[in-house]
Structure formats: structure tokens, C-alpha cells
Amino acid sequence: MADQKGKTFSVVFRGLAPHVSQVSYERNAEDLSLYVGLKDGDLKPEHLVIKRGGSDLTIILTKPETK
């Protein structure tokens, strides 16, 4: 990997991979937006747990629902 300036961190979507159909992002001078398309089912805020530790941000899906 080439020389990096600044810090590196990760965003982990634990338990979500089997339900994902697409991942994309948009970036501008100030913001970064991640978009996750689901194959089926509904994802509600109460199904997500966000944990921060060190340089990591982990988003855990606690209860996937399928149609």
C-alpha cells in the first residue's frame, strides 16, 4: 500500500452480507455516504447496533426480516 496520510478506519456490517444486493457510495468535499441495497426484507433502526472501538465502527444487524 502506498504512503497514507491521516488515519484509516473500518466500517463493518456484521450479519448483513447475506441480505445485501448492492453497495455503493457517494463522496464530495465534506461527506461520504454509503448505500446498502437489501435483497429482501425490511431493515428497521431497532435491528441495528452501532459499536465504536478504537479506529473501528461496527454496525451489527440483530434481526433480519425476510418476506
PDB file of N, CA and C in Angstrom:
ATOM      1  N   MET A   1       0.846  -1.178   0.000  1.00  0.00           N
ATOM      2  CA  MET A   1       0.000   0.000   0.000  1.00  0.00           C
ATOM      3  C   MET A   1       0.888   1.237   0.000  1.00  0.00           C
ATOM      4  N   ALA A   2       0.516   2.224  -0.764  1.00  0.00           N
ATOM      5  CA  ALA A   2       1.300   3.458  -0.849  1.00  0.00           C
ATOM      6  C   ALA A   2       1.245   4.210   0.465  1.00  0.00           C
ATOM      7  N   ASP A   3       2.118   5.208   0.597  1.00  0.00           N
ATOM      8  CA  ASP A   3       2.124   6.023   1.812  1.00  0.00           C
ATOM      9  C   ASP A   3       0.738   6.602   2.060  1.00  0.00           C
ATOM     10  N   GLN A   4       0.272   6.489   3.302  1.00  0.00           N
ATOM     11  CA  GLN A   4      -1.027   7.024   3.681  1.00  0.00           C
ATOM     12  C   GLN A   4      -0.839   8.215   4.584  1.00  0.00           C
ATOM     13  N   LYS A   5      -1.651   9.205   4.389  1.00  0.00           N
ATOM     14  CA  LYS A   5      -1.679  10.342   5.301  1.00  0.00           C
ATOM     15  C   LYS A   5      -2.989  10.268   6.043  1.00  0.00           C
ATOM     16  N   GLY A   6      -2.974  10.644   7.305  1.00  0.00           N
ATOM     17  CA  GLY A   6      -4.190  10.585   8.100  1.00  0.00           C
ATOM     18  C   GLY A   6      -4.384   9.222   8.721  1.00  0.00           C
ATOM     19  N   LYS A   7      -5.598   8.985   9.150  1.00  0.00           N
ATOM     20  CA  LYS A   7      -5.924   7.733   9.830  1.00  0.00           C
ATOM     21  C   LYS A   7      -6.807   6.861   8.948  1.00  0.00           C
ATOM     22  N   THR A   8      -6.746   5.574   9.181  1.00  0.00           N
ATOM     23  CA  THR A   8      -7.590   4.609   8.487  1.00  0.00           C
ATOM     24  C   THR A   8      -8.532   3.970   9.497  1.00  0.00           C
ATOM     25  N   PHE A   9      -9.785   3.792   9.121  1.00  0.00           N
ATOM     26  CA  PHE A   9     -10.736   3.108   9.977  1.00  0.00           C
ATOM     27  C   PHE A   9     -11.587   2.203   9.108  1.00  0.00           C
ATOM     28  N   SER A  10     -12.331   1.316   9.763  1.00  0.00           N
ATOM     29  CA  SER A  10     -13.184   0.399   9.015  1.00  0.00           C
ATOM     30  C   SER A  10     -14.631   0.562   9.441  1.00  0.00           C
ATOM     31  N   VAL A  11     -15.525   0.221   8.528  1.00  0.00           N
ATOM     32  CA  VAL A  11     -16.953   0.146   8.815  1.00  0.00           C
ATOM     33  C   VAL A  11     -17.336  -1.300   8.522  1.00  0.00           C
ATOM     34  N   VAL A  12     -17.850  -2.001   9.519  1.00  0.00           N
ATOM     35  CA  VAL A  12     -18.193  -3.409   9.385  1.00  0.00           C
ATOM     36  C   VAL A  12     -19.702  -3.554   9.519  1.00  0.00           C
ATOM     37  N   PHE A  13     -20.325  -4.230   8.559  1.00  0.00           N
ATOM     38  CA  PHE A  13     -21.754  -4.541   8.626  1.00  0.00           C
ATOM     39  C   PHE A  13     -21.872  -6.019   8.969  1.00  0.00           C
ATOM     40  N   ARG A  14     -21.797  -6.342  10.246  1.00  0.00           N
ATOM     41  CA  ARG A  14     -21.773  -7.732  10.697  1.00  0.00           C
ATOM     42  C   ARG A  14     -23.170  -8.340  10.591  1.00  0.00           C
ATOM     43  N   GLY A  15     -23.283  -9.484   9.954  1.00  0.00           N
ATOM     44  CA  GLY A  15     -24.553 -10.190   9.823  1.00  0.00           C
ATOM     45  C   GLY A  15     -25.395  -9.710   8.652  1.00  0.00           C
ATOM     46  N   LEU A  16     -24.937  -8.706   7.943  1.00  0.00           N
ATOM     47  CA  LEU A  16     -25.737  -8.127   6.868  1.00  0.00           C
ATOM     48  C   LEU A  16     -25.423  -8.709   5.490  1.00  0.00           C
ATOM     49  N   ALA A  17     -24.229  -9.253   5.295  1.00  0.00           N
ATOM     50  CA  ALA A  17     -23.774  -9.690   3.970  1.00  0.00           C
ATOM     51  C   ALA A  17     -24.760 -10.612   3.233  1.00  0.00           C
ATOM     52  N   PRO A  18     -25.375 -11.604   3.874  1.00  0.00           N
ATOM     53  CA  PRO A  18     -26.284 -12.482   3.130  1.00  0.00           C
ATOM     54  C   PRO A  18     -27.527 -11.765   2.601  1.00  0.00           C
ATOM     55  N   HIS A  19     -27.819 -10.571   3.123  1.00  0.00           N
ATOM     56  CA  HIS A  19     -29.026  -9.842   2.758  1.00  0.00           C
ATOM     57  C   HIS A  19     -28.756  -8.696   1.787  1.00  0.00           C
ATOM     58  N   VAL A  20     -27.485  -8.471   1.443  1.00  0.00           N
ATOM     59  CA  VAL A  20     -27.098  -7.323   0.623  1.00  0.00           C
ATOM     60  C   VAL A  20     -27.099  -7.681  -0.860  1.00  0.00           C
ATOM     61  N   SER A  21     -27.716  -6.816  -1.668  1.00  0.00           N
ATOM     62  CA  SER A  21     -27.701  -6.999  -3.113  1.00  0.00           C
ATOM     63  C   SER A  21     -26.736  -6.040  -3.792  1.00  0.00           C
ATOM     64  N   GLN A  22     -26.426  -4.919  -3.127  1.00  0.00           N
ATOM     65  CA  GLN A  22     -25.586  -3.902  -3.763  1.00  0.00           C
ATOM     66  C   GLN A  22     -25.018  -2.964  -2.707  1.00  0.00           C
ATOM     67  N   VAL A  23     -23.797  -2.494  -2.937  1.00  0.00           N
ATOM     68  CA  VAL A  23     -23.161  -1.499  -2.085  1.00  0.00           C
ATOM     69  C   VAL A  23     -22.582  -0.418  -2.990  1.00  0.00           C
ATOM     70  N   SER A  24     -22.843   0.840  -2.649  1.00  0.00           N
ATOM     71  CA  SER A  24     -22.269   1.938  -3.417  1.00  0.00           C
ATOM     72  C   SER A  24     -21.983   3.100  -2.477  1.00  0.00           C
ATOM     73  N   TYR A  25     -21.323   4.108  -3.007  1.00  0.00           N
ATOM     74  CA  TYR A  25     -21.023   5.268  -2.179  1.00  0.00           C
ATOM     75  C   TYR A  25     -21.015   6.534  -3.020  1.00  0.00           C
ATOM     76  N   GLU A  26     -21.188   7.656  -2.336  1.00  0.00           N
ATOM     77  CA  GLU A  26     -21.034   8.982  -2.918  1.00  0.00           C
ATOM     78  C   GLU A  26     -20.088   9.749  -2.020  1.00  0.00           C
ATOM     79  N   ARG A  27     -19.247  10.558  -2.641  1.00  0.00           N
ATOM     80  CA  ARG A  27     -18.285  11.333  -1.868  1.00  0.00           C
ATOM     81  C   ARG A  27     -18.210  12.735  -2.458  1.00  0.00           C
ATOM     82  N   ASN A  28     -18.184  13.723  -1.564  1.00  0.00           N
ATOM     83  CA  ASN A  28     -17.921  15.079  -2.008  1.00  0.00           C
ATOM     84  C   ASN A  28     -16.855  15.663  -1.089  1.00  0.00           C
ATOM     85  N   ALA A  29     -16.638  16.940  -1.135  1.00  0.00           N
ATOM     86  CA  ALA A  29     -15.560  17.553  -0.352  1.00  0.00           C
ATOM     87  C   ALA A  29     -15.746  17.387   1.151  1.00  0.00           C
ATOM     88  N   GLU A  30     -16.989  17.230   1.598  1.00  0.00           N
ATOM     89  CA  GLU A  30     -17.247  17.175   3.038  1.00  0.00           C
ATOM     90  C   GLU A  30     -17.840  15.859   3.540  1.00  0.00           C
ATOM     91  N   ASP A  31     -18.557  15.140   2.709  1.00  0.00           N
ATOM     92  CA  ASP A  31     -19.317  13.985   3.189  1.00  0.00           C
ATOM     93  C   ASP A  31     -19.011  12.718   2.400  1.00  0.00           C
ATOM     94  N   LEU A  32     -19.216  11.587   3.059  1.00  0.00           N
ATOM     95  CA  LEU A  32     -19.155  10.278   2.429  1.00  0.00           C
ATOM     96  C   LEU A  32     -20.433   9.548   2.807  1.00  0.00           C
ATOM     97  N   SER A  33     -21.186   9.100   1.809  1.00  0.00           N
ATOM     98  CA  SER A  33     -22.426   8.365   2.047  1.00  0.00           C
ATOM     99  C   SER A  33     -22.273   6.947   1.533  1.00  0.00           C
ATOM    100  N   LEU A  34     -22.606   5.962   2.366  1.00  0.00           N
ATOM    101  CA  LEU A  34     -22.614   4.557   1.967  1.00  0.00           C
ATOM    102  C   LEU A  34     -24.064   4.133   1.767  1.00  0.00           C
ATOM    103  N   TYR A  35     -24.329   3.429   0.679  1.00  0.00           N
ATOM    104  CA  TYR A  35     -25.674   2.937   0.389  1.00  0.00           C
ATOM    105  C   TYR A  35     -25.616   1.424   0.314  1.00  0.00           C
ATOM    106  N   VAL A  36     -26.514   0.763   1.023  1.00  0.00           N
ATOM    107  CA  VAL A  36     -26.574  -0.697   1.049  1.00  0.00           C
ATOM    108  C   VAL A  36     -27.955  -1.113   0.578  1.00  0.00           C
ATOM    109  N   GLY A  37     -28.021  -1.819  -0.563  1.00  0.00           N
ATOM    110  CA  GLY A  37     -29.288  -2.329  -1.077  1.00  0.00           C
ATOM    111  C   GLY A  37     -29.534  -3.731  -0.545  1.00  0.00           C
ATOM    112  N   LEU A  38     -30.735  -3.975  -0.049  1.00  0.00           N
ATOM    113  CA  LEU A  38     -31.079  -5.277   0.513  1.00  0.00           C
ATOM    114  C   LEU A  38     -31.787  -6.148  -0.516  1.00  0.00           C
ATOM    115  N   LYS A  39     -31.541  -7.452  -0.457  1.00  0.00           N
ATOM    116  CA  LYS A  39     -32.191  -8.401  -1.359  1.00  0.00           C
ATOM    117  C   LYS A  39     -33.687  -8.460  -1.093  1.00  0.00           C
ATOM    118  N   ASP A  40     -34.062  -8.621   0.154  1.00  0.00           N
ATOM    119  CA  ASP A  40     -35.474  -8.654   0.531  1.00  0.00           C
ATOM    120  C   ASP A  40     -35.580  -8.365   2.018  1.00  0.00           C
ATOM    121  N   GLY A  41     -36.781  -8.147   2.468  1.00  0.00           N
ATOM    122  CA  GLY A  41     -36.997  -7.881   3.886  1.00  0.00           C
ATOM    123  C   GLY A  41     -36.877  -6.416   4.225  1.00  0.00           C
ATOM    124  N   ASP A  42     -37.171  -6.122   5.459  1.00  0.00           N
ATOM    125  CA  ASP A  42     -37.134  -4.757   5.952  1.00  0.00           C
ATOM    126  C   ASP A  42     -36.072  -4.625   7.018  1.00  0.00           C
ATOM    127  N   LEU A  43     -35.346  -3.550   6.973  1.00  0.00           N
ATOM    128  CA  LEU A  43     -34.335  -3.248   7.978  1.00  0.00           C
ATOM    129  C   LEU A  43     -34.811  -2.038   8.743  1.00  0.00           C
ATOM    130  N   LYS A  44     -35.019  -2.200  10.021  1.00  0.00           N
ATOM    131  CA  LYS A  44     -35.515  -1.121  10.869  1.00  0.00           C
ATOM    132  C   LYS A  44     -34.414  -0.675  11.826  1.00  0.00           C
ATOM    133  N   PRO A  45     -34.470   0.574  12.279  1.00  0.00           N
ATOM    134  CA  PRO A  45     -33.431   1.078  13.188  1.00  0.00           C
ATOM    135  C   PRO A  45     -33.213   0.197  14.414  1.00  0.00           C
ATOM    136  N   GLU A  46     -34.262  -0.423  14.933  1.00  0.00           N
ATOM    137  CA  GLU A  46     -34.101  -1.253  16.124  1.00  0.00           C
ATOM    138  C   GLU A  46     -33.344  -2.548  15.837  1.00  0.00           C
ATOM    139  N   HIS A  47     -33.132  -2.868  14.560  1.00  0.00           N
ATOM    140  CA  HIS A  47     -32.376  -4.062  14.193  1.00  0.00           C
ATOM    141  C   HIS A  47     -30.881  -3.799  14.087  1.00  0.00           C
ATOM    142  N   LEU A  48     -30.466  -2.551  14.268  1.00  0.00           N
ATOM    143  CA  LEU A  48     -29.064  -2.185  14.131  1.00  0.00           C
ATOM    144  C   LEU A  48     -28.447  -1.813  15.466  1.00  0.00           C
ATOM    145  N   VAL A  49     -27.245  -2.293  15.696  1.00  0.00           N
ATOM    146  CA  VAL A  49     -26.459  -1.914  16.866  1.00  0.00           C
ATOM    147  C   VAL A  49     -25.161  -1.322  16.333  1.00  0.00           C
ATOM    148  N   ILE A  50     -24.799  -0.142  16.801  1.00  0.00           N
ATOM    149  CA  ILE A  50     -23.575   0.514  16.357  1.00  0.00           C
ATOM    150  C   ILE A  50     -22.581   0.509  17.505  1.00  0.00           C
ATOM    151  N   LYS A  51     -21.392  -0.026  17.228  1.00  0.00           N
ATOM    152  CA  LYS A  51     -20.334  -0.080  18.240  1.00  0.00           C
ATOM    153  C   LYS A  51     -19.112   0.649  17.714  1.00  0.00           C
ATOM    154  N   ARG A  52     -18.509   1.443  18.570  1.00  0.00           N
ATOM    155  CA  ARG A  52     -17.266   2.125  18.220  1.00  0.00           C
ATOM    156  C   ARG A  52     -16.173   1.626  19.145  1.00  0.00           C
ATOM    157  N   GLY A  53     -15.046   1.284  18.566  1.00  0.00           N
ATOM    158  CA  GLY A  53     -13.915   0.813  19.355  1.00  0.00           C
ATOM    159  C   GLY A  53     -12.623   1.116  18.633  1.00  0.00           C
ATOM    160  N   GLY A  54     -11.790   1.913  19.249  1.00  0.00           N
ATOM    161  CA  GLY A  54     -10.530   2.267  18.598  1.00  0.00           C
ATOM    162  C   GLY A  54     -10.794   2.978  17.293  1.00  0.00           C
ATOM    163  N   SER A  55     -10.269   2.436  16.212  1.00  0.00           N
ATOM    164  CA  SER A  55     -10.456   3.056  14.907  1.00  0.00           C
ATOM    165  C   SER A  55     -11.548   2.365  14.091  1.00  0.00           C
ATOM    166  N   ASP A  56     -12.355   1.512  14.718  1.00  0.00           N
ATOM    167  CA  ASP A  56     -13.396   0.767  14.010  1.00  0.00           C
ATOM    168  C   ASP A  56     -14.786   1.260  14.358  1.00  0.00           C
ATOM    169  N   LEU A  57     -15.658   1.213  13.375  1.00  0.00           N
ATOM    170  CA  LEU A  57     -17.085   1.421  13.566  1.00  0.00           C
ATOM    171  C   LEU A  57     -17.748   0.143  13.085  1.00  0.00           C
ATOM    172  N   THR A  58     -18.459  -0.542  13.966  1.00  0.00           N
ATOM    173  CA  THR A  58     -19.111  -1.796  13.617  1.00  0.00           C
ATOM    174  C   THR A  58     -20.612  -1.609  13.686  1.00  0.00           C
ATOM    175  N   ILE A  59     -21.311  -1.993  12.596  1.00  0.00           N
ATOM    176  CA  ILE A  59     -22.760  -1.945  12.559  1.00  0.00           C
ATOM    177  C   ILE A  59     -23.230  -3.390  12.499  1.00  0.00           C
ATOM    178  N   ILE A  60     -24.004  -3.802  13.504  1.00  0.00           N
ATOM    179  CA  ILE A  60     -24.434  -5.202  13.628  1.00  0.00           C
ATOM    180  C   ILE A  60     -25.940  -5.283  13.365  1.00  0.00           C
ATOM    181  N   LEU A  61     -26.317  -6.179  12.448  1.00  0.00           N
ATOM    182  CA  LEU A  61     -27.721  -6.459  12.180  1.00  0.00           C
ATOM    183  C   LEU A  61     -28.180  -7.493  13.201  1.00  0.00           C
ATOM    184  N   THR A  62     -29.162  -7.144  14.028  1.00  0.00           N
ATOM    185  CA  THR A  62     -29.563  -8.029  15.111  1.00  0.00           C
ATOM    186  C   THR A  62     -30.749  -8.917  14.760  1.00  0.00           C
ATOM    187  N   LYS A  63     -31.583  -8.513  13.784  1.00  0.00           N
ATOM    188  CA  LYS A  63     -32.745  -9.314  13.475  1.00  0.00           C
ATOM    189  C   LYS A  63     -33.183  -9.078  12.025  1.00  0.00           C
ATOM    190  N   PRO A  64     -32.628  -9.847  11.083  1.00  0.00           N
ATOM    191  CA  PRO A  64     -33.061  -9.672   9.701  1.00  0.00           C
ATOM    192  C   PRO A  64     -34.480 -10.203   9.514  1.00  0.00           C
ATOM    193  N   GLU A  65     -35.263  -9.513   8.714  1.00  0.00           N
ATOM    194  CA  GLU A  65     -36.611  -9.994   8.392  1.00  0.00           C
ATOM    195  C   GLU A  65     -36.673 -10.256   6.900  1.00  0.00           C
ATOM    196  N   THR A  66     -37.235 -11.365   6.528  1.00  0.00           N
ATOM    197  CA  THR A  66     -37.406 -11.669   5.102  1.00  0.00           C
ATOM    198  C   THR A  66     -38.890 -11.779   4.807  1.00  0.00           C
ATOM    199  N   LYS A  67     -39.213 -11.512   3.557  1.00  0.00           N
ATOM    200  CA  LYS A  67     -40.628 -11.565   3.126  1.00  0.00           C
ATOM    201  C   LYS A  67     -41.018 -12.966   2.757  1.00  0.00           C
TER     202      LYS A  67
END
